[in-house]
Amino acid sequence: MLIAGGWPTAGVAADLVFTWPDGSAIHPDALSKIIARLSAEAGLPRITAHGLRHSFATAAVAARVPVEVVAARLGNTARVVQEVYAHVIPADDHAAAQLVGDLYRSAGTS
């Protein structure tokens, strides 16, 4: 059985997302096989643990979770998250440009 949520409260395994029911670490190769099997059984494309990590980060950035928070969750720096997931951020750039443009346009009509 695969449990999300990490049982241990101390040691290396305390920071794990997936553990065996007794709280022990799952070897990365075993975890990859489990995730691949579960995704296939669910009728989804094959995904890896690394793919889950990218899916989380992409969804979090797209949902406007602060980059610093996403970075902390991933164990990265905000700069790394911005560089790797920049493809998710352009919509924010357009929205910011529109907002600033609207401010200038409304200031010019006053």
PDB file of N, CA and C in Angstrom:
ATOM      1  N   MET A   1       0.845  -1.182   0.000  1.00  0.00           N
ATOM      2  CA  MET A   1       0.000   0.000   0.000  1.00  0.00           C
ATOM      3  C   MET A   1       0.887   1.240   0.000  1.00  0.00           C
ATOM      4  N   LEU A   2       0.494   2.241  -0.778  1.00  0.00           N
ATOM      5  CA  LEU A   2       1.233   3.486  -0.882  1.00  0.00           C
ATOM      6  C   LEU A   2       0.474   4.563  -0.125  1.00  0.00           C
ATOM      7  N   ILE A   3       1.159   5.239   0.752  1.00  0.00           N
ATOM      8  CA  ILE A   3       0.525   6.271   1.568  1.00  0.00           C
ATOM      9  C   ILE A   3       1.188   7.608   1.267  1.00  0.00           C
ATOM     10  N   ALA A   4       0.400   8.629   0.998  1.00  0.00           N
ATOM     11  CA  ALA A   4       0.959   9.979   0.838  1.00  0.00           C
ATOM     12  C   ALA A   4       0.891  10.652   2.200  1.00  0.00           C
ATOM     13  N   GLY A   5       1.945  11.315   2.594  1.00  0.00           N
ATOM     14  CA  GLY A   5       1.861  12.085   3.819  1.00  0.00           C
ATOM     15  C   GLY A   5       2.966  11.828   4.811  1.00  0.00           C
ATOM     16  N   GLY A   6       3.881  10.932   4.564  1.00  0.00           N
ATOM     17  CA  GLY A   6       5.027  10.748   5.437  1.00  0.00           C
ATOM     18  C   GLY A   6       4.689  10.457   6.883  1.00  0.00           C
ATOM     19  N   TRP A   7       4.971   9.274   7.347  1.00  0.00           N
ATOM     20  CA  TRP A   7       4.707   8.877   8.722  1.00  0.00           C
ATOM     21  C   TRP A   7       5.744   9.381   9.714  1.00  0.00           C
ATOM     22  N   PRO A   8       7.015   9.285   9.404  1.00  0.00           N
ATOM     23  CA  PRO A   8       8.017   9.656  10.394  1.00  0.00           C
ATOM     24  C   PRO A   8       7.984  11.147  10.718  1.00  0.00           C
ATOM     25  N   THR A   9       8.410  11.475  11.932  1.00  0.00           N
ATOM     26  CA  THR A   9       8.471  12.877  12.332  1.00  0.00           C
ATOM     27  C   THR A   9       9.916  13.341  12.496  1.00  0.00           C
ATOM     28  N   ALA A  10      10.872  12.442  12.313  1.00  0.00           N
ATOM     29  CA  ALA A  10      12.282  12.807  12.435  1.00  0.00           C
ATOM     30  C   ALA A  10      13.102  11.978  11.452  1.00  0.00           C
ATOM     31  N   GLY A  11      14.307  12.443  11.186  1.00  0.00           N
ATOM     32  CA  GLY A  11      15.195  11.710  10.293  1.00  0.00           C
ATOM     33  C   GLY A  11      14.926  12.016   8.838  1.00  0.00           C
ATOM     34  N   VAL A  12      15.660  11.335   7.979  1.00  0.00           N
ATOM     35  CA  VAL A  12      15.569  11.565   6.533  1.00  0.00           C
ATOM     36  C   VAL A  12      14.159  11.339   6.023  1.00  0.00           C
ATOM     37  N   ALA A  13      13.484  10.308   6.474  1.00  0.00           N
ATOM     38  CA  ALA A  13      12.154   9.967   5.967  1.00  0.00           C
ATOM     39  C   ALA A  13      11.088  10.973   6.380  1.00  0.00           C
ATOM     40  N   ALA A  14      11.371  11.852   7.341  1.00  0.00           N
ATOM     41  CA  ALA A  14      10.375  12.821   7.801  1.00  0.00           C
ATOM     42  C   ALA A  14       9.966  13.786   6.699  1.00  0.00           C
ATOM     43  N   ASP A  15      10.831  14.013   5.726  1.00  0.00           N
ATOM     44  CA  ASP A  15      10.534  14.951   4.647  1.00  0.00           C
ATOM     45  C   ASP A  15       9.972  14.284   3.399  1.00  0.00           C
ATOM     46  N   LEU A  16       9.727  12.994   3.442  1.00  0.00           N
ATOM     47  CA  LEU A  16       9.245  12.284   2.266  1.00  0.00           C
ATOM     48  C   LEU A  16       7.752  12.487   2.061  1.00  0.00           C
ATOM     49  N   VAL A  17       7.350  12.510   0.814  1.00  0.00           N
ATOM     50  CA  VAL A  17       5.935  12.613   0.480  1.00  0.00           C
ATOM     51  C   VAL A  17       5.291  11.229   0.483  1.00  0.00           C
ATOM     52  N   PHE A  18       6.025  10.242  -0.037  1.00  0.00           N
ATOM     53  CA  PHE A  18       5.507   8.877  -0.108  1.00  0.00           C
ATOM     54  C   PHE A  18       6.356   7.963   0.751  1.00  0.00           C
ATOM     55  N   THR A  19       5.688   7.134   1.543  1.00  0.00           N
ATOM     56  CA  THR A  19       6.374   6.141   2.371  1.00  0.00           C
ATOM     57  C   THR A  19       5.580   4.840   2.332  1.00  0.00           C
ATOM     58  N   TRP A  20       6.222   3.762   2.777  1.00  0.00           N
ATOM     59  CA  TRP A  20       5.486   2.520   2.993  1.00  0.00           C
ATOM     60  C   TRP A  20       4.617   2.725   4.225  1.00  0.00           C
ATOM     61  N   PRO A  21       3.602   1.897   4.445  1.00  0.00           N
ATOM     62  CA  PRO A  21       2.708   2.083   5.592  1.00  0.00           C
ATOM     63  C   PRO A  21       3.426   2.175   6.941  1.00  0.00           C
ATOM     64  N   ASP A  22       4.604   1.561   7.048  1.00  0.00           N
ATOM     65  CA  ASP A  22       5.327   1.641   8.320  1.00  0.00           C
ATOM     66  C   ASP A  22       6.173   2.901   8.431  1.00  0.00           C
ATOM     67  N   GLY A  23       6.128   3.770   7.413  1.00  0.00           N
ATOM     68  CA  GLY A  23       6.869   5.014   7.446  1.00  0.00           C
ATOM     69  C   GLY A  23       8.247   4.940   6.834  1.00  0.00           C
ATOM     70  N   SER A  24       8.659   3.768   6.396  1.00  0.00           N
ATOM     71  CA  SER A  24       9.993   3.648   5.805  1.00  0.00           C
ATOM     72  C   SER A  24       9.993   4.192   4.378  1.00  0.00           C
ATOM     73  N   ALA A  25      11.174   4.608   3.953  1.00  0.00           N
ATOM     74  CA  ALA A  25      11.317   5.208   2.628  1.00  0.00           C
ATOM     75  C   ALA A  25      11.102   4.179   1.523  1.00  0.00           C
ATOM     76  N   ILE A  26      10.486   4.622   0.446  1.00  0.00           N
ATOM     77  CA  ILE A  26      10.319   3.790  -0.739  1.00  0.00           C
ATOM     78  C   ILE A  26      11.493   4.098  -1.668  1.00  0.00           C
ATOM     79  N   HIS A  27      12.169   3.079  -2.142  1.00  0.00           N
ATOM     80  CA  HIS A  27      13.278   3.285  -3.065  1.00  0.00           C
ATOM     81  C   HIS A  27      12.742   3.990  -4.312  1.00  0.00           C
ATOM     82  N   PRO A  28      13.474   4.985  -4.831  1.00  0.00           N
ATOM     83  CA  PRO A  28      12.984   5.730  -6.002  1.00  0.00           C
ATOM     84  C   PRO A  28      12.577   4.862  -7.186  1.00  0.00           C
ATOM     85  N   ASP A  29      13.316   3.788  -7.450  1.00  0.00           N
ATOM     86  CA  ASP A  29      12.946   2.910  -8.573  1.00  0.00           C
ATOM     87  C   ASP A  29      11.601   2.235  -8.320  1.00  0.00           C
ATOM     88  N   ALA A  30      11.389   1.787  -7.086  1.00  0.00           N
ATOM     89  CA  ALA A  30      10.114   1.155  -6.737  1.00  0.00           C
ATOM     90  C   ALA A  30       8.978   2.161  -6.831  1.00  0.00           C
ATOM     91  N   LEU A  31       9.220   3.384  -6.367  1.00  0.00           N
ATOM     92  CA  LEU A  31       8.191   4.417  -6.424  1.00  0.00           C
ATOM     93  C   LEU A  31       7.832   4.734  -7.872  1.00  0.00           C
ATOM     94  N   SER A  32       8.826   4.826  -8.735  1.00  0.00           N
ATOM     95  CA  SER A  32       8.563   5.097 -10.153  1.00  0.00           C
ATOM     96  C   SER A  32       7.687   4.011 -10.758  1.00  0.00           C
ATOM     97  N   LYS A  33       7.962   2.752 -10.427  1.00  0.00           N
ATOM     98  CA  LYS A  33       7.159   1.647 -10.953  1.00  0.00           C
ATOM     99  C   LYS A  33       5.728   1.700 -10.424  1.00  0.00           C
ATOM    100  N   ILE A  34       5.582   2.045  -9.146  1.00  0.00           N
ATOM    101  CA  ILE A  34       4.246   2.134  -8.544  1.00  0.00           C
ATOM    102  C   ILE A  34       3.448   3.253  -9.200  1.00  0.00           C
ATOM    103  N   ILE A  35       4.068   4.413  -9.365  1.00  0.00           N
ATOM    104  CA  ILE A  35       3.375   5.552  -9.972  1.00  0.00           C
ATOM    105  C   ILE A  35       3.011   5.237 -11.421  1.00  0.00           C
ATOM    106  N   ALA A  36       3.914   4.618 -12.158  1.00  0.00           N
ATOM    107  CA  ALA A  36       3.632   4.253 -13.550  1.00  0.00           C
ATOM    108  C   ALA A  36       2.456   3.282 -13.617  1.00  0.00           C
ATOM    109  N   ARG A  37       2.450   2.297 -12.728  1.00  0.00           N
ATOM    110  CA  ARG A  37       1.352   1.322 -12.709  1.00  0.00           C
ATOM    111  C   ARG A  37       0.036   1.996 -12.361  1.00  0.00           C
ATOM    112  N   LEU A  38       0.041   2.843 -11.338  1.00  0.00           N
ATOM    113  CA  LEU A  38      -1.192   3.512 -10.921  1.00  0.00           C
ATOM    114  C   LEU A  38      -1.719   4.446 -12.009  1.00  0.00           C
ATOM    115  N   SER A  39      -0.826   5.140 -12.699  1.00  0.00           N
ATOM    116  CA  SER A  39      -1.286   6.039 -13.763  1.00  0.00           C
ATOM    117  C   SER A  39      -1.890   5.231 -14.917  1.00  0.00           C
ATOM    118  N   ALA A  40      -1.273   4.093 -15.247  1.00  0.00           N
ATOM    119  CA  ALA A  40      -1.814   3.242 -16.312  1.00  0.00           C
ATOM    120  C   ALA A  40      -3.175   2.678 -15.915  1.00  0.00           C
ATOM    121  N   GLU A  41      -3.293   2.229 -14.656  1.00  0.00           N
ATOM    122  CA  GLU A  41      -4.568   1.687 -14.179  1.00  0.00           C
ATOM    123  C   GLU A  41      -5.668   2.742 -14.190  1.00  0.00           C
ATOM    124  N   ALA A  42      -5.284   3.999 -14.007  1.00  0.00           N
ATOM    125  CA  ALA A  42      -6.258   5.090 -14.014  1.00  0.00           C
ATOM    126  C   ALA A  42      -6.567   5.585 -15.423  1.00  0.00           C
ATOM    127  N   GLY A  43      -5.903   4.971 -16.433  1.00  0.00           N
ATOM    128  CA  GLY A  43      -6.132   5.374 -17.806  1.00  0.00           C
ATOM    129  C   GLY A  43      -5.422   6.666 -18.185  1.00  0.00           C
ATOM    130  N   LEU A  44      -4.411   7.026 -17.417  1.00  0.00           N
ATOM    131  CA  LEU A  44      -3.642   8.244 -17.674  1.00  0.00           C
ATOM    132  C   LEU A  44      -2.350   7.901 -18.403  1.00  0.00           C
ATOM    133  N   PRO A  45      -1.734   8.904 -19.018  1.00  0.00           N
ATOM    134  CA  PRO A  45      -0.414   8.651 -19.604  1.00  0.00           C
ATOM    135  C   PRO A  45       0.576   8.287 -18.498  1.00  0.00           C
ATOM    136  N   ARG A  46       1.622   7.566 -18.860  1.00  0.00           N
ATOM    137  CA  ARG A  46       2.643   7.186 -17.879  1.00  0.00           C
ATOM    138  C   ARG A  46       3.276   8.448 -17.316  1.00  0.00           C
ATOM    139  N   ILE A  47       3.414   8.501 -16.015  1.00  0.00           N
ATOM    140  CA  ILE A  47       4.048   9.642 -15.354  1.00  0.00           C
ATOM    141  C   ILE A  47       5.041   9.122 -14.326  1.00  0.00           C
ATOM    142  N   THR A  48       6.047   9.890 -14.056  1.00  0.00           N
ATOM    143  CA  THR A  48       7.059   9.515 -13.069  1.00  0.00           C
ATOM    144  C   THR A  48       6.900  10.397 -11.831  1.00  0.00           C
ATOM    145  N   ALA A  49       7.642  10.076 -10.786  1.00  0.00           N
ATOM    146  CA  ALA A  49       7.639  10.918  -9.589  1.00  0.00           C
ATOM    147  C   ALA A  49       8.121  12.318  -9.954  1.00  0.00           C
ATOM    148  N   HIS A  50       9.115  12.390 -10.829  1.00  0.00           N
ATOM    149  CA  HIS A  50       9.611  13.693 -11.264  1.00  0.00           C
ATOM    150  C   HIS A  50       8.517  14.446 -12.032  1.00  0.00           C
ATOM    151  N   GLY A  51       7.732  13.708 -12.806  1.00  0.00           N
ATOM    152  CA  GLY A  51       6.613  14.314 -13.511  1.00  0.00           C
ATOM    153  C   GLY A  51       5.564  14.860 -12.556  1.00  0.00           C
ATOM    154  N   LEU A  52       5.340  14.155 -11.455  1.00  0.00           N
ATOM    155  CA  LEU A  52       4.409  14.644 -10.436  1.00  0.00           C
ATOM    156  C   LEU A  52       4.922  15.951  -9.834  1.00  0.00           C
ATOM    157  N   ARG A  53       6.227  16.002  -9.612  1.00  0.00           N
ATOM    158  CA  ARG A  53       6.851  17.209  -9.068  1.00  0.00           C
ATOM    159  C   ARG A  53       6.626  18.389 -10.017  1.00  0.00           C
ATOM    160  N   HIS A  54       6.871  18.162 -11.306  1.00  0.00           N
ATOM    161  CA  HIS A  54       6.655  19.218 -12.292  1.00  0.00           C
ATOM    162  C   HIS A  54       5.179  19.598 -12.382  1.00  0.00           C
ATOM    163  N   SER A  55       4.306  18.610 -12.305  1.00  0.00           N
ATOM    164  CA  SER A  55       2.868  18.899 -12.357  1.00  0.00           C
ATOM    165  C   SER A  55       2.449  19.767 -11.182  1.00  0.00           C
ATOM    166  N   PHE A  56       2.954  19.439  -9.986  1.00  0.00           N
ATOM    167  CA  PHE A  56       2.647  20.257  -8.809  1.00  0.00           C
ATOM    168  C   PHE A  56       3.131  21.687  -9.006  1.00  0.00           C
ATOM    169  N   ALA A  57       4.400  21.830  -9.406  1.00  0.00           N
ATOM    170  CA  ALA A  57       4.982  23.162  -9.544  1.00  0.00           C
ATOM    171  C   ALA A  57       4.244  23.979 -10.600  1.00  0.00           C
ATOM    172  N   THR A  58       3.953  23.368 -11.736  1.00  0.00           N
ATOM    173  CA  THR A  58       3.251  24.066 -12.803  1.00  0.00           C
ATOM    174  C   THR A  58       1.869  24.512 -12.343  1.00  0.00           C
ATOM    175  N   ALA A  59       1.139  23.618 -11.697  1.00  0.00           N
ATOM    176  CA  ALA A  59      -0.201  23.959 -11.219  1.00  0.00           C
ATOM    177  C   ALA A  59      -0.146  25.044 -10.148  1.00  0.00           C
ATOM    178  N   ALA A  60       0.819  24.948  -9.258  1.00  0.00           N
ATOM    179  CA  ALA A  60       0.938  25.941  -8.182  1.00  0.00           C
ATOM    180  C   ALA A  60       1.265  27.321  -8.740  1.00  0.00           C
ATOM    181  N   VAL A  61       2.225  27.377  -9.666  1.00  0.00           N
ATOM    182  CA  VAL A  61       2.598  28.668 -10.258  1.00  0.00           C
ATOM    183  C   VAL A  61       1.420  29.231 -11.053  1.00  0.00           C
ATOM    184  N   ALA A  62       0.736  28.379 -11.813  1.00  0.00           N
ATOM    185  CA  ALA A  62      -0.414  28.824 -12.598  1.00  0.00           C
ATOM    186  C   ALA A  62      -1.546  29.324 -11.698  1.00  0.00           C
ATOM    187  N   ALA A  63      -1.650  28.751 -10.502  1.00  0.00           N
ATOM    188  CA  ALA A  63      -2.683  29.158  -9.549  1.00  0.00           C
ATOM    189  C   ALA A  63      -2.253  30.373  -8.734  1.00  0.00           C
ATOM    190  N   ARG A  64      -1.106  30.946  -9.098  1.00  0.00           N
ATOM    191  CA  ARG A  64      -0.586  32.147  -8.456  1.00  0.00           C
ATOM    192  C   ARG A  64      -0.132  31.938  -7.018  1.00  0.00           C
ATOM    193  N   VAL A  65       0.252  30.719  -6.699  1.00  0.00           N
ATOM    194  CA  VAL A  65       0.904  30.488  -5.413  1.00  0.00           C
ATOM    195  C   VAL A  65       2.239  31.236  -5.484  1.00  0.00           C
ATOM    196  N   PRO A  66       2.591  32.006  -4.460  1.00  0.00           N
ATOM    197  CA  PRO A  66       3.853  32.753  -4.529  1.00  0.00           C
ATOM    198  C   PRO A  66       5.037  31.838  -4.848  1.00  0.00           C
ATOM    199  N   VAL A  67       5.896  32.319  -5.749  1.00  0.00           N
ATOM    200  CA  VAL A  67       7.036  31.534  -6.206  1.00  0.00           C
ATOM    201  C   VAL A  67       7.894  31.084  -5.028  1.00  0.00           C
ATOM    202  N   GLU A  68       8.009  31.924  -4.007  1.00  0.00           N
ATOM    203  CA  GLU A  68       8.809  31.562  -2.827  1.00  0.00           C
ATOM    204  C   GLU A  68       8.216  30.355  -2.106  1.00  0.00           C
ATOM    205  N   VAL A  69       6.900  30.265  -2.084  1.00  0.00           N
ATOM    206  CA  VAL A  69       6.229  29.132  -1.434  1.00  0.00           C
ATOM    207  C   VAL A  69       6.443  27.865  -2.252  1.00  0.00           C
ATOM    208  N   VAL A  70       6.280  27.961  -3.563  1.00  0.00           N
ATOM    209  CA  VAL A  70       6.504  26.814  -4.437  1.00  0.00           C
ATOM    210  C   VAL A  70       7.951  26.340  -4.289  1.00  0.00           C
ATOM    211  N   ALA A  71       8.887  27.279  -4.303  1.00  0.00           N
ATOM    212  CA  ALA A  71      10.300  26.937  -4.176  1.00  0.00           C
ATOM    213  C   ALA A  71      10.579  26.214  -2.862  1.00  0.00           C
ATOM    214  N   ALA A  72       9.994  26.696  -1.785  1.00  0.00           N
ATOM    215  CA  ALA A  72      10.204  26.047  -0.485  1.00  0.00           C
ATOM    216  C   ALA A  72       9.669  24.619  -0.501  1.00  0.00           C
ATOM    217  N   ARG A  73       8.513  24.406  -1.111  1.00  0.00           N
ATOM    218  CA  ARG A  73       7.936  23.065  -1.206  1.00  0.00           C
ATOM    219  C   ARG A  73       8.821  22.126  -2.009  1.00  0.00           C
ATOM    220  N   LEU A  74       9.459  22.671  -3.049  1.00  0.00           N
ATOM    221  CA  LEU A  74      10.302  21.850  -3.920  1.00  0.00           C
ATOM    222  C   LEU A  74      11.733  21.728  -3.417  1.00  0.00           C
ATOM    223  N   GLY A  75      12.084  22.537  -2.428  1.00  0.00           N
ATOM    224  CA  GLY A  75      13.464  22.540  -1.956  1.00  0.00           C
ATOM    225  C   GLY A  75      14.385  23.264  -2.914  1.00  0.00           C
ATOM    226  N   ASN A  76      13.833  24.228  -3.648  1.00  0.00           N
ATOM    227  CA  ASN A  76      14.598  25.016  -4.606  1.00  0.00           C
ATOM    228  C   ASN A  76      14.614  26.473  -4.181  1.00  0.00           C
ATOM    229  N   THR A  77      15.279  27.291  -4.976  1.00  0.00           N
ATOM    230  CA  THR A  77      15.225  28.731  -4.768  1.00  0.00           C
ATOM    231  C   THR A  77      14.138  29.302  -5.671  1.00  0.00           C
ATOM    232  N   ALA A  78      13.672  30.489  -5.317  1.00  0.00           N
ATOM    233  CA  ALA A  78      12.655  31.143  -6.148  1.00  0.00           C
ATOM    234  C   ALA A  78      13.195  31.373  -7.559  1.00  0.00           C
ATOM    235  N   ARG A  79      14.471  31.669  -7.684  1.00  0.00           N
ATOM    236  CA  ARG A  79      15.071  31.904  -8.999  1.00  0.00           C
ATOM    237  C   ARG A  79      14.992  30.649  -9.873  1.00  0.00           C
ATOM    238  N   VAL A  80      15.289  29.490  -9.293  1.00  0.00           N
ATOM    239  CA  VAL A  80      15.222  28.238 -10.050  1.00  0.00           C
ATOM    240  C   VAL A  80      13.784  27.993 -10.510  1.00  0.00           C
ATOM    241  N   VAL A  81      12.825  28.191  -9.618  1.00  0.00           N
ATOM    242  CA  VAL A  81      11.423  27.976  -9.983  1.00  0.00           C
ATOM    243  C   VAL A  81      11.024  28.927 -11.107  1.00  0.00           C
ATOM    244  N   GLN A  82      11.430  30.184 -11.017  1.00  0.00           N
ATOM    245  CA  GLN A  82      11.089  31.145 -12.071  1.00  0.00           C
ATOM    246  C   GLN A  82      11.704  30.749 -13.408  1.00  0.00           C
ATOM    247  N   GLU A  83      12.935  30.267 -13.379  1.00  0.00           N
ATOM    248  CA  GLU A  83      13.596  29.874 -14.627  1.00  0.00           C
ATOM    249  C   GLU A  83      12.964  28.627 -15.241  1.00  0.00           C
ATOM    250  N   VAL A  84      12.692  27.631 -14.405  1.00  0.00           N
ATOM    251  CA  VAL A  84      12.178  26.360 -14.914  1.00  0.00           C
ATOM    252  C   VAL A  84      10.714  26.467 -15.341  1.00  0.00           C
ATOM    253  N   TYR A  85       9.927  27.255 -14.611  1.00  0.00           N
ATOM    254  CA  TYR A  85       8.495  27.317 -14.873  1.00  0.00           C
ATOM    255  C   TYR A  85       8.076  28.639 -15.500  1.00  0.00           C
ATOM    256  N   ALA A  86       9.013  29.309 -16.160  1.00  0.00           N
ATOM    257  CA  ALA A  86       8.711  30.590 -16.802  1.00  0.00           C
ATOM    258  C   ALA A  86       7.596  30.458 -17.831  1.00  0.00           C
ATOM    259  N   HIS A  87       7.464  29.270 -18.426  1.00  0.00           N
ATOM    260  CA  HIS A  87       6.415  29.065 -19.438  1.00  0.00           C
ATOM    261  C   HIS A  87       5.015  29.233 -18.860  1.00  0.00           C
ATOM    262  N   VAL A  88       4.878  29.160 -17.557  1.00  0.00           N
ATOM    263  CA  VAL A  88       3.572  29.315 -16.916  1.00  0.00           C
ATOM    264  C   VAL A  88       3.302  30.782 -16.592  1.00  0.00           C
ATOM    265  N   ILE A  89       4.339  31.582 -16.511  1.00  0.00           N
ATOM    266  CA  ILE A  89       4.235  32.942 -16.006  1.00  0.00           C
ATOM    267  C   ILE A  89       3.874  33.996 -17.063  1.00  0.00           C
ATOM    268  N   PRO A  90       4.058  33.782 -18.367  1.00  0.00           N
ATOM    269  CA  PRO A  90       3.769  34.855 -19.323  1.00  0.00           C
ATOM    270  C   PRO A  90       2.380  35.468 -19.216  1.00  0.00           C
ATOM    271  N   ALA A  91       1.379  34.699 -18.859  1.00  0.00           N
ATOM    272  CA  ALA A  91       0.039  35.265 -18.698  1.00  0.00           C
ATOM    273  C   ALA A  91       0.057  36.326 -17.603  1.00  0.00           C
ATOM    274  N   ASP A  92       0.847  36.134 -16.573  1.00  0.00           N
ATOM    275  CA  ASP A  92       0.971  37.121 -15.517  1.00  0.00           C
ATOM    276  C   ASP A  92       1.614  38.389 -16.065  1.00  0.00           C
ATOM    277  N   ASP A  93       2.597  38.236 -16.959  1.00  0.00           N
ATOM    278  CA  ASP A  93       3.269  39.372 -17.547  1.00  0.00           C
ATOM    279  C   ASP A  93       2.269  40.205 -18.358  1.00  0.00           C
ATOM    280  N   HIS A  94       1.447  39.538 -19.134  1.00  0.00           N
ATOM    281  CA  HIS A  94       0.445  40.246 -19.934  1.00  0.00           C
ATOM    282  C   HIS A  94      -0.546  40.969 -19.021  1.00  0.00           C
ATOM    283  N   ALA A  95      -0.999  40.295 -17.970  1.00  0.00           N
ATOM    284  CA  ALA A  95      -1.953  40.904 -17.043  1.00  0.00           C
ATOM    285  C   ALA A  95      -1.341  42.129 -16.355  1.00  0.00           C
ATOM    286  N   ALA A  96      -0.065  42.032 -15.967  1.00  0.00           N
ATOM    287  CA  ALA A  96       0.604  43.159 -15.320  1.00  0.00           C
ATOM    288  C   ALA A  96       0.739  44.327 -16.295  1.00  0.00           C
ATOM    289  N   ALA A  97       1.105  44.039 -17.533  1.00  0.00           N
ATOM    290  CA  ALA A  97       1.228  45.100 -18.536  1.00  0.00           C
ATOM    291  C   ALA A  97      -0.117  45.778 -18.768  1.00  0.00           C
ATOM    292  N   GLN A  98      -1.171  44.998 -18.817  1.00  0.00           N
ATOM    293  CA  GLN A  98      -2.514  45.550 -19.009  1.00  0.00           C
ATOM    294  C   GLN A  98      -2.899  46.447 -17.838  1.00  0.00           C
ATOM    295  N   LEU A  99      -2.635  45.998 -16.623  1.00  0.00           N
ATOM    296  CA  LEU A  99      -2.962  46.767 -15.422  1.00  0.00           C
ATOM    297  C   LEU A  99      -2.228  48.105 -15.409  1.00  0.00           C
ATOM    298  N   VAL A 100      -0.924  48.067 -15.671  1.00  0.00           N
ATOM    299  CA  VAL A 100      -0.138  49.304 -15.679  1.00  0.00           C
ATOM    300  C   VAL A 100      -0.601  50.217 -16.817  1.00  0.00           C
ATOM    301  N   GLY A 101      -0.862  49.636 -17.962  1.00  0.00           N
ATOM    302  CA  GLY A 101      -1.368  50.431 -19.081  1.00  0.00           C
ATOM    303  C   GLY A 101      -2.687  51.101 -18.744  1.00  0.00           C
ATOM    304  N   ASP A 102      -3.576  50.368 -18.088  1.00  0.00           N
ATOM    305  CA  ASP A 102      -4.862  50.937 -17.670  1.00  0.00           C
ATOM    306  C   ASP A 102      -4.665  52.096 -16.710  1.00  0.00           C
ATOM    307  N   LEU A 103      -3.688  51.973 -15.807  1.00  0.00           N
ATOM    308  CA  LEU A 103      -3.413  53.065 -14.871  1.00  0.00           C
ATOM    309  C   LEU A 103      -2.978  54.322 -15.616  1.00  0.00           C
ATOM    310  N   TYR A 104      -2.078  54.153 -16.592  1.00  0.00           N
ATOM    311  CA  TYR A 104      -1.616  55.322 -17.369  1.00  0.00           C
ATOM    312  C   TYR A 104      -2.749  55.912 -18.213  1.00  0.00           C
ATOM    313  N   ARG A 105      -3.565  55.033 -18.797  1.00  0.00           N
ATOM    314  CA  ARG A 105      -4.671  55.545 -19.613  1.00  0.00           C
ATOM    315  C   ARG A 105      -5.670  56.317 -18.768  1.00  0.00           C
ATOM    316  N   SER A 106      -5.989  55.813 -17.572  1.00  0.00           N
ATOM    317  CA  SER A 106      -6.946  56.519 -16.731  1.00  0.00           C
ATOM    318  C   SER A 106      -6.345  57.797 -16.167  1.00  0.00           C
ATOM    319  N   ALA A 107      -5.024  57.840 -15.925  1.00  0.00           N
ATOM    320  CA  ALA A 107      -4.382  59.055 -15.432  1.00  0.00           C
ATOM    321  C   ALA A 107      -4.382  60.132 -16.510  1.00  0.00           C
ATOM    322  N   GLY A 108      -4.301  59.716 -17.760  1.00  0.00           N
ATOM    323  CA  GLY A 108      -4.284  60.678 -18.859  1.00  0.00           C
ATOM    324  C   GLY A 108      -5.635  61.295 -19.136  1.00  0.00           C
ATOM    325  N   THR A 109      -6.721  60.648 -18.691  1.00  0.00           N
ATOM    326  CA  THR A 109      -8.056  61.167 -18.946  1.00  0.00           C
ATOM    327  C   THR A 109      -8.597  61.992 -17.793  1.00  0.00           C
ATOM    328  N   SER A 110      -7.840  62.072 -16.704  1.00  0.00           N
ATOM    329  CA  SER A 110      -8.319  62.828 -15.535  1.00  0.00           C
ATOM    330  C   SER A 110      -8.029  64.292 -15.652  1.00  0.00           C
TER     331      SER A 110
END
